[in-house]
Protein backbone atom coordinates (compact mmCIF):
# COMPACT_ATOMS: atom_id res chain seq x y z
CA MET A 1 -0.05 0.05 0.07
CA HIS A 2 1.43 3.39 -0.83
CA SER A 3 1.46 5.65 2.16
CA LEU A 4 -1.51 8.56 1.78
CA ILE A 5 0.07 11.81 2.77
CA ILE A 6 -2.36 14.87 3.72
CA ALA A 7 0.26 17.96 3.85
CA LEU A 8 -0.35 21.52 4.34
CA THR A 9 1.61 23.49 1.65
CA LEU A 10 2.06 27.01 1.98
CA ALA A 11 2.60 28.67 -1.37
CA GLY A 12 4.49 32.07 -1.86
CA ALA A 13 3.93 34.32 1.11
CA PRO A 14 2.47 33.14 4.27
CA ALA A 15 -0.88 33.51 4.78
CA ILE A 16 -1.84 36.77 7.14
CA ALA A 17 -4.42 36.55 9.64
CA PRO A 18 -7.19 38.91 9.15
CA VAL A 19 -7.20 41.86 11.44
CA HIS A 20 -9.85 41.34 14.20
CA THR A 21 -11.24 43.99 16.82
CA ALA A 22 -11.05 43.29 20.54
CA GLU A 23 -13.82 41.29 20.07
CA PRO A 24 -12.48 38.47 18.13
CA ASP A 25 -15.06 36.22 16.14
CA PRO A 26 -14.37 32.89 16.69
CA VAL A 27 -16.40 31.67 13.37
CA ALA A 28 -14.63 34.10 11.43
CA GLY A 29 -11.43 32.90 13.02
CA LEU A 30 -12.09 29.20 12.22
CA ARG A 31 -13.34 30.08 8.53
CA PHE A 32 -9.96 31.44 8.19
CA LEU A 33 -8.13 27.99 9.06
CA LEU A 34 -10.39 25.96 7.46
CA ALA A 35 -9.65 27.92 4.24
CA ARG A 36 -6.20 27.89 4.84
CA GLY A 37 -5.81 24.42 5.26
CA ALA A 38 -4.34 24.43 8.80
CA GLY A 39 -3.18 21.97 11.43
CA ALA A 40 -2.74 21.78 15.01
CA THR A 41 -1.29 19.28 17.67
CA THR A 42 -3.41 18.53 20.37
CA GLU A 43 -3.31 17.44 24.03
CA PHE A 44 -6.32 15.65 26.08
CA TYR A 45 -6.99 14.27 29.12
CA GLY A 46 -10.28 12.78 30.62
CA ASN A 47 -11.97 10.40 32.90
CA THR A 48 -15.18 8.45 33.28
CA SER A 49 -16.70 6.37 36.31
CA THR A 50 -18.76 3.24 36.37
CA ASP A 51 -21.32 1.98 38.60
CA LEU A 52 -18.78 -0.58 39.87
CA GLU A 53 -18.77 -0.22 43.39
CA ARG A 54 -18.26 -1.66 46.98
CA GLN A 55 -19.27 -0.78 50.62
CA VAL A 56 -15.38 -2.01 52.71
CA GLN A 57 -15.17 -1.45 56.47
CA LEU A 58 -12.71 0.62 57.56
CA SER A 59 -9.57 -0.22 60.14
CA ASN A 60 -11.02 1.90 62.38
CA GLY A 61 -14.51 0.25 62.21
CA ARG A 62 -16.40 3.10 59.70
CA THR A 63 -17.34 2.01 56.22
CA THR A 64 -16.57 3.86 52.89
CA ILE A 65 -17.21 3.11 49.11
CA ILE A 66 -14.74 2.13 46.73
CA THR A 67 -15.33 2.53 43.16
CA THR A 68 -13.58 2.11 39.64
CA GLY A 69 -13.21 3.97 36.52
CA MET A 70 -10.81 5.00 33.33
CA GLU A 71 -8.40 7.51 33.07
CA VAL A 72 -7.00 8.54 29.26
CA LYS A 73 -4.50 11.08 28.15
CA GLY A 74 -2.51 11.80 25.11
CA THR A 75 -1.38 13.95 22.20
CA GLY A 76 -2.21 13.67 18.18
CA LYS A 77 -2.96 16.30 15.21
CA VAL A 78 -5.29 17.54 13.05
CA LYS A 79 -5.36 18.78 9.73
CA LEU A 80 -8.30 20.74 8.44
CA GLY A 81 -10.23 21.11 4.88
CA ARG A 82 -12.86 23.45 3.74
CA ALA A 83 -15.14 21.46 5.53
CA GLY A 84 -13.75 20.90 8.87
CA VAL A 85 -11.26 18.09 9.90
CA ILE A 86 -9.93 15.95 7.13
CA ALA A 87 -7.45 13.81 8.79
CA SER A 88 -6.55 13.20 12.60
CA GLU A 89 -3.99 10.81 14.31
CA HIS A 90 -4.49 10.29 17.93
CA THR A 91 -2.00 8.12 20.64
CA ARG A 92 -3.89 7.85 23.93
CA HIS A 93 -3.02 5.96 27.20
CA MET A 94 -5.99 4.80 28.76
CA SER A 95 -5.58 3.27 32.41
CA ILE A 96 -8.04 1.99 35.58
CA GLY A 97 -8.54 4.52 38.47
CA GLY A 98 -9.46 3.94 41.57
CA GLU A 99 -9.84 0.34 42.17
CA LYS A 100 -8.91 -1.83 39.73
CA GLN A 101 -9.66 -5.19 41.57
CA LEU A 102 -13.36 -4.38 41.35
CA MET A 103 -13.12 -4.13 37.52
CA VAL A 104 -11.01 -7.09 37.14
CA GLU A 105 -13.71 -9.68 39.59
CA ALA A 106 -16.37 -7.66 37.05
CA ALA A 107 -14.55 -8.94 33.65
CA ALA A 108 -14.95 -12.65 34.79
CA THR A 109 -18.37 -12.55 34.12
CA ASP A 110 -18.94 -9.21 32.25
CA PRO A 111 -17.55 -9.00 28.20
CA TYR A 112 -17.62 -4.81 28.54
CA PHE A 113 -15.53 -4.75 31.62
CA ALA A 114 -13.38 -7.78 30.04
CA GLY A 115 -13.10 -5.44 26.96
CA VAL A 116 -11.82 -2.68 28.86
CA LEU A 117 -9.23 -4.22 30.95
CA ARG A 118 -7.81 -5.23 27.12
CA ALA A 119 -8.09 -1.75 25.81
CA ALA A 120 -5.98 -0.50 28.41
CA GLY A 121 -2.03 0.72 27.77
CA ARG A 122 -0.89 2.87 24.56
CA LEU A 123 -3.90 3.14 21.61
CA ARG A 124 -2.83 4.81 18.48
CA LEU A 125 -5.48 6.11 15.94
CA ILE A 126 -5.01 7.49 12.39
CA SER A 127 -7.97 8.22 9.87
CA VAL A 128 -6.94 9.51 6.79
CA GLY A 129 -8.29 9.04 3.09
CA GLY A 130 -11.55 8.30 4.31
CA TRP A 131 -10.10 5.00 6.38
CA GLN A 132 -9.32 4.60 9.64
CA TYR A 133 -6.51 2.92 11.40
CA GLN A 134 -5.23 0.87 14.69
CA LEU A 135 -2.84 0.04 16.43
CA ALA A 136 -4.10 -1.89 19.84
CA PRO A 137 -2.01 -1.94 23.26
CA GLY A 138 0.55 -4.28 22.71
CA ALA A 139 0.27 -4.87 19.03
CA ALA A 140 3.21 -5.36 16.38
CA SER A 141 1.43 -4.07 13.14
CA TRP A 142 -1.34 -1.78 12.17
CA VAL A 143 -4.75 -2.91 11.30
CA ARG A 144 -7.15 -1.21 8.81
CA VAL A 145 -10.44 -1.29 10.97
CA GLY A 146 -12.61 0.36 8.25
CA ARG A 147 -14.23 3.54 6.24
CA ALA A 148 -14.18 6.52 8.58
CA GLY A 149 -13.97 9.96 8.51
CA GLY A 150 -11.31 12.34 8.74
CA ALA A 151 -12.20 13.63 12.54
CA ALA A 152 -12.91 10.08 13.61
CA ALA A 153 -9.18 9.73 15.38
CA ALA A 154 -9.71 12.57 17.38
CA TYR A 155 -13.42 12.79 18.20
CA GLY A 156 -14.41 9.42 19.60
CA ASP A 157 -12.94 11.07 22.64
CA GLN A 158 -14.04 14.63 22.49
CA PHE A 159 -17.42 14.58 21.47
CA ILE A 160 -17.62 18.93 21.09
CA ASN A 161 -16.30 19.27 17.31
CA VAL A 162 -15.48 23.04 17.60
CA LEU A 163 -13.62 22.36 14.07
CA GLU A 164 -17.10 22.28 12.38
CA PRO A 165 -18.27 25.46 12.04
CA ALA A 166 -22.58 24.68 12.38
CA THR A 167 -21.30 22.88 15.47
CA LEU A 168 -19.29 26.14 16.50
CA ARG A 169 -22.00 28.44 15.40
CA THR A 170 -24.71 26.26 17.83
CA LEU A 171 -22.38 26.22 20.89
CA LEU A 172 -21.86 29.97 20.52
CA ALA A 173 -25.81 30.71 20.16
CA ALA A 174 -26.44 28.85 23.12
CA ALA A 175 -23.31 30.48 25.63
CA GLY A 176 -24.50 30.92 29.47
CA SER A 177 -21.35 33.06 30.59
CA LYS A 178 -18.25 34.57 29.06
CA ASP A 179 -14.95 35.44 30.60
CA VAL A 180 -11.50 37.10 28.90
CA THR A 181 -8.07 37.12 30.50
CA PRO A 182 -5.88 39.70 30.54
CA TRP A 183 -2.86 39.54 28.05
CA LEU A 184 -0.38 37.03 28.88
CA LYS A 185 2.55 35.58 27.43
CA ASP A 186 1.80 31.62 26.03
CA SER A 187 4.59 29.33 28.55
CA THR A 188 4.39 26.99 25.52
CA SER A 189 4.75 29.12 22.39
CA GLY A 190 5.97 32.14 24.08
CA ARG A 191 2.85 34.36 22.24
CA ARG A 192 1.09 37.25 24.14
CA GLN A 193 -2.10 37.00 23.60
CA ARG A 194 -5.39 36.77 25.37
CA ILE A 195 -8.10 34.00 25.98
CA TYR A 196 -12.00 34.36 26.00
CA THR A 197 -13.86 31.93 27.54
CA LEU A 198 -17.64 30.37 26.77
CA SER A 199 -19.21 27.90 28.77
CA GLY A 200 -23.38 26.66 28.15
CA THR A 201 -25.34 23.48 28.08
CA ILE A 202 -26.02 21.59 24.98
CA THR A 203 -28.17 18.25 24.47
CA LEU A 204 -26.79 15.17 23.28
CA LYS A 205 -29.68 14.90 20.28
CA GLN A 206 -28.68 18.68 19.66
CA LEU A 207 -25.29 17.65 18.98
CA TYR A 208 -26.78 14.69 16.77
CA ARG A 209 -28.60 16.89 14.55
CA VAL A 210 -25.70 19.37 13.75
CA SER A 211 -22.46 17.86 14.33
CA PRO A 212 -21.16 14.64 11.60
CA SER A 213 -18.41 13.79 13.46
CA PHE A 214 -20.39 13.23 16.64
CA ARG A 215 -23.32 11.34 14.59
CA GLU A 216 -19.98 9.29 13.72
CA ALA A 217 -18.71 8.40 17.26
CA ALA A 218 -22.52 7.77 18.48
CA GLY A 219 -23.96 5.69 15.94
CA THR A 220 -27.00 5.64 17.14
CA ALA A 221 -29.98 8.45 17.07
CA ASP A 222 -31.53 7.24 20.26
CA LEU A 223 -29.59 9.00 22.58
CA GLY A 224 -32.58 9.98 25.61
CA THR A 225 -32.27 13.38 26.72
CA SER A 226 -28.86 13.74 28.66
CA GLU A 227 -27.10 17.19 28.64
CA VAL A 228 -23.50 18.06 28.15
CA ASP A 229 -21.68 20.84 29.82
CA TRP A 230 -19.16 22.61 27.89
CA THR A 231 -16.48 25.38 28.41
CA TYR A 232 -14.67 26.61 25.21
CA MET A 233 -11.68 29.05 24.79
CA TYR A 234 -10.59 30.77 21.46
CA ASP A 235 -7.56 33.41 21.50
CA ASP A 236 -7.23 37.39 20.72
CA ARG A 237 -7.51 35.83 16.81
CA GLY A 238 -10.26 33.78 17.60
CA TRP A 239 -8.52 30.85 16.59
CA PRO A 240 -9.64 27.41 19.01
CA TYR A 241 -7.33 26.81 22.31
CA ARG A 242 -9.19 24.28 24.27
CA VAL A 243 -12.83 22.91 24.91
CA VAL A 244 -13.74 20.75 28.00
CA TRP A 245 -16.90 18.88 28.05
CA SER A 246 -18.50 16.72 30.95
CA PHE A 247 -21.89 14.90 31.59
CA ASN A 248 -23.84 13.06 34.41
CA LEU A 249 -25.76 10.06 32.64
CA HIS A 250 -29.56 11.03 33.53
CA PRO A 251 -30.77 7.83 35.69
CA ASP A 252 -34.00 7.54 33.26
CA LEU A 253 -31.91 6.35 30.43
CA ARG A 254 -30.38 2.99 31.94
CA SER A 255 -33.14 1.26 31.67
CA LYS A 256 -34.47 2.94 28.43
CA VAL A 257 -31.72 3.14 26.02
CA ALA A 258 -29.42 0.14 24.77
CA GLY A 259 -25.35 1.05 25.21
CA TRP A 260 -24.24 4.11 27.35
CA GLY A 261 -20.84 1.30 27.87
CA GLU A 262 -23.54 -1.26 28.43
CA GLY A 263 -24.96 0.61 31.26
CA ARG A 264 -21.70 0.79 32.84
CA ILE A 265 -20.79 4.35 32.47
CA ASP A 266 -22.27 7.21 34.48
CA GLN A 267 -20.38 9.96 33.88
CA ALA A 268 -17.34 11.28 31.95
CA ARG A 269 -15.64 14.11 31.10
CA LEU A 270 -12.82 15.55 28.41
CA GLY A 271 -10.57 18.26 27.75
CA THR A 272 -8.60 18.96 24.35
CA GLN A 273 -5.91 21.60 24.10
CA TYR A 274 -4.86 23.13 20.87
CA ARG A 275 -1.62 24.55 19.61
CA ASN A 276 0.98 25.62 16.83
CA TRP A 277 -2.17 26.13 14.54
CA ASP A 278 0.30 28.39 12.17
CA LYS A 279 2.79 25.42 11.68
CA PRO A 280 2.49 22.78 8.61
CA MET A 281 0.95 19.68 9.58
CA THR A 282 1.36 16.11 7.73
CA ILE A 283 -1.03 12.94 8.65
CA ILE A 284 0.35 9.75 6.86
CA ALA A 285 -1.53 6.63 6.41
CA PRO A 286 0.44 3.76 7.34
CA LYS A 287 1.39 0.26 6.21
CA ALA A 288 -1.58 -1.98 7.06
CA ARG A 289 -3.51 -4.60 6.72
CA PRO A 290 -7.42 -5.28 6.99
CA GLY A 291 -8.72 -6.43 10.51
CA ARG A 292 -10.58 -5.64 13.50
CA GLY A 293 -10.22 -3.03 16.11
CA LEU A 294 -10.77 -3.11 19.94
CA ALA A 295 -14.31 -3.95 20.40
CA VAL A 296 -14.56 -1.75 23.87
CA ASP A 297 -13.82 2.44 23.86
CA GLU A 298 -15.12 3.60 26.96
CA PHE A 299 -15.70 7.33 25.88
CA SER A 300 -17.63 5.89 22.27
CA ASP A 301 -19.29 3.11 24.60
CA VAL A 302 -21.22 6.03 26.26
CA LEU A 303 -22.64 6.83 23.26
CA SER A 304 -23.24 2.99 21.78
CA ALA A 305 -22.59 -0.36 22.98
CA PRO A 306 -20.20 -2.13 20.88
CA ALA A 307 -22.32 -4.19 19.09
CA ARG A 308 -23.90 -1.81 17.49
CA ARG A 309 -20.77 -0.01 16.70
CA LYS A 310 -19.28 -0.37 12.89
């Protein structure tokens, strides 16, 4: 297989960002990046909690509740085209948080938690050229797991895709609070900037209507009534800086909706940081053979059970 390369090409003089007023327009900032075919590096972190718990007695005679869940962190890249993300790459490290033994014991009879334990470790995902590729924890070679949009590698975890104009407009229209920092020097880039912060709430059904990458991650339109709390940060150019989402699963959904991490995930949270929008970006399809990906992905499984995923 020939490697497929999606590259950022800057012809002639570098593009100049439009002049912004003291109040930047984040939609205009995003459209500038889309038209330029820009890319960014990402850092992300998140966690989920499960319904596994046990009451234990302490040495002082008191009792406490022990629980377990999953924690994830990693880095990646996204590459934009005129409609949104056309390629993405993700290296994530998932670990079991809290009392791991609870999950080990549950895995003996519960295929979902058995799959979570197999997914722990370093997972690499690449989506480019209409395909998704996976290098599972402990695997020696890549597999091509199926057709996927360019955003799939990055947005199986990060449900709020602020790199889609329609999604971003929907969030901005529903923002309930706003804040802005003083001018400060970014510790990573050295650039002097100020950061604008918007926060709000959106339902999973609303996200499904406006966001193609969310529809792909969800795999179902039967999402109940749960709401997602979100925070979006952008800089003085209107360029994406950070996005965070979190939610608690509505208790009524446990008996009505198939999936939701096989009914075992009750809370989830993830944040993504974007940097280096002004640098060239390349994402390459690896040499791979057709194969099956991991059966369980804790964030995507909040939305759809493994049996419903493609």
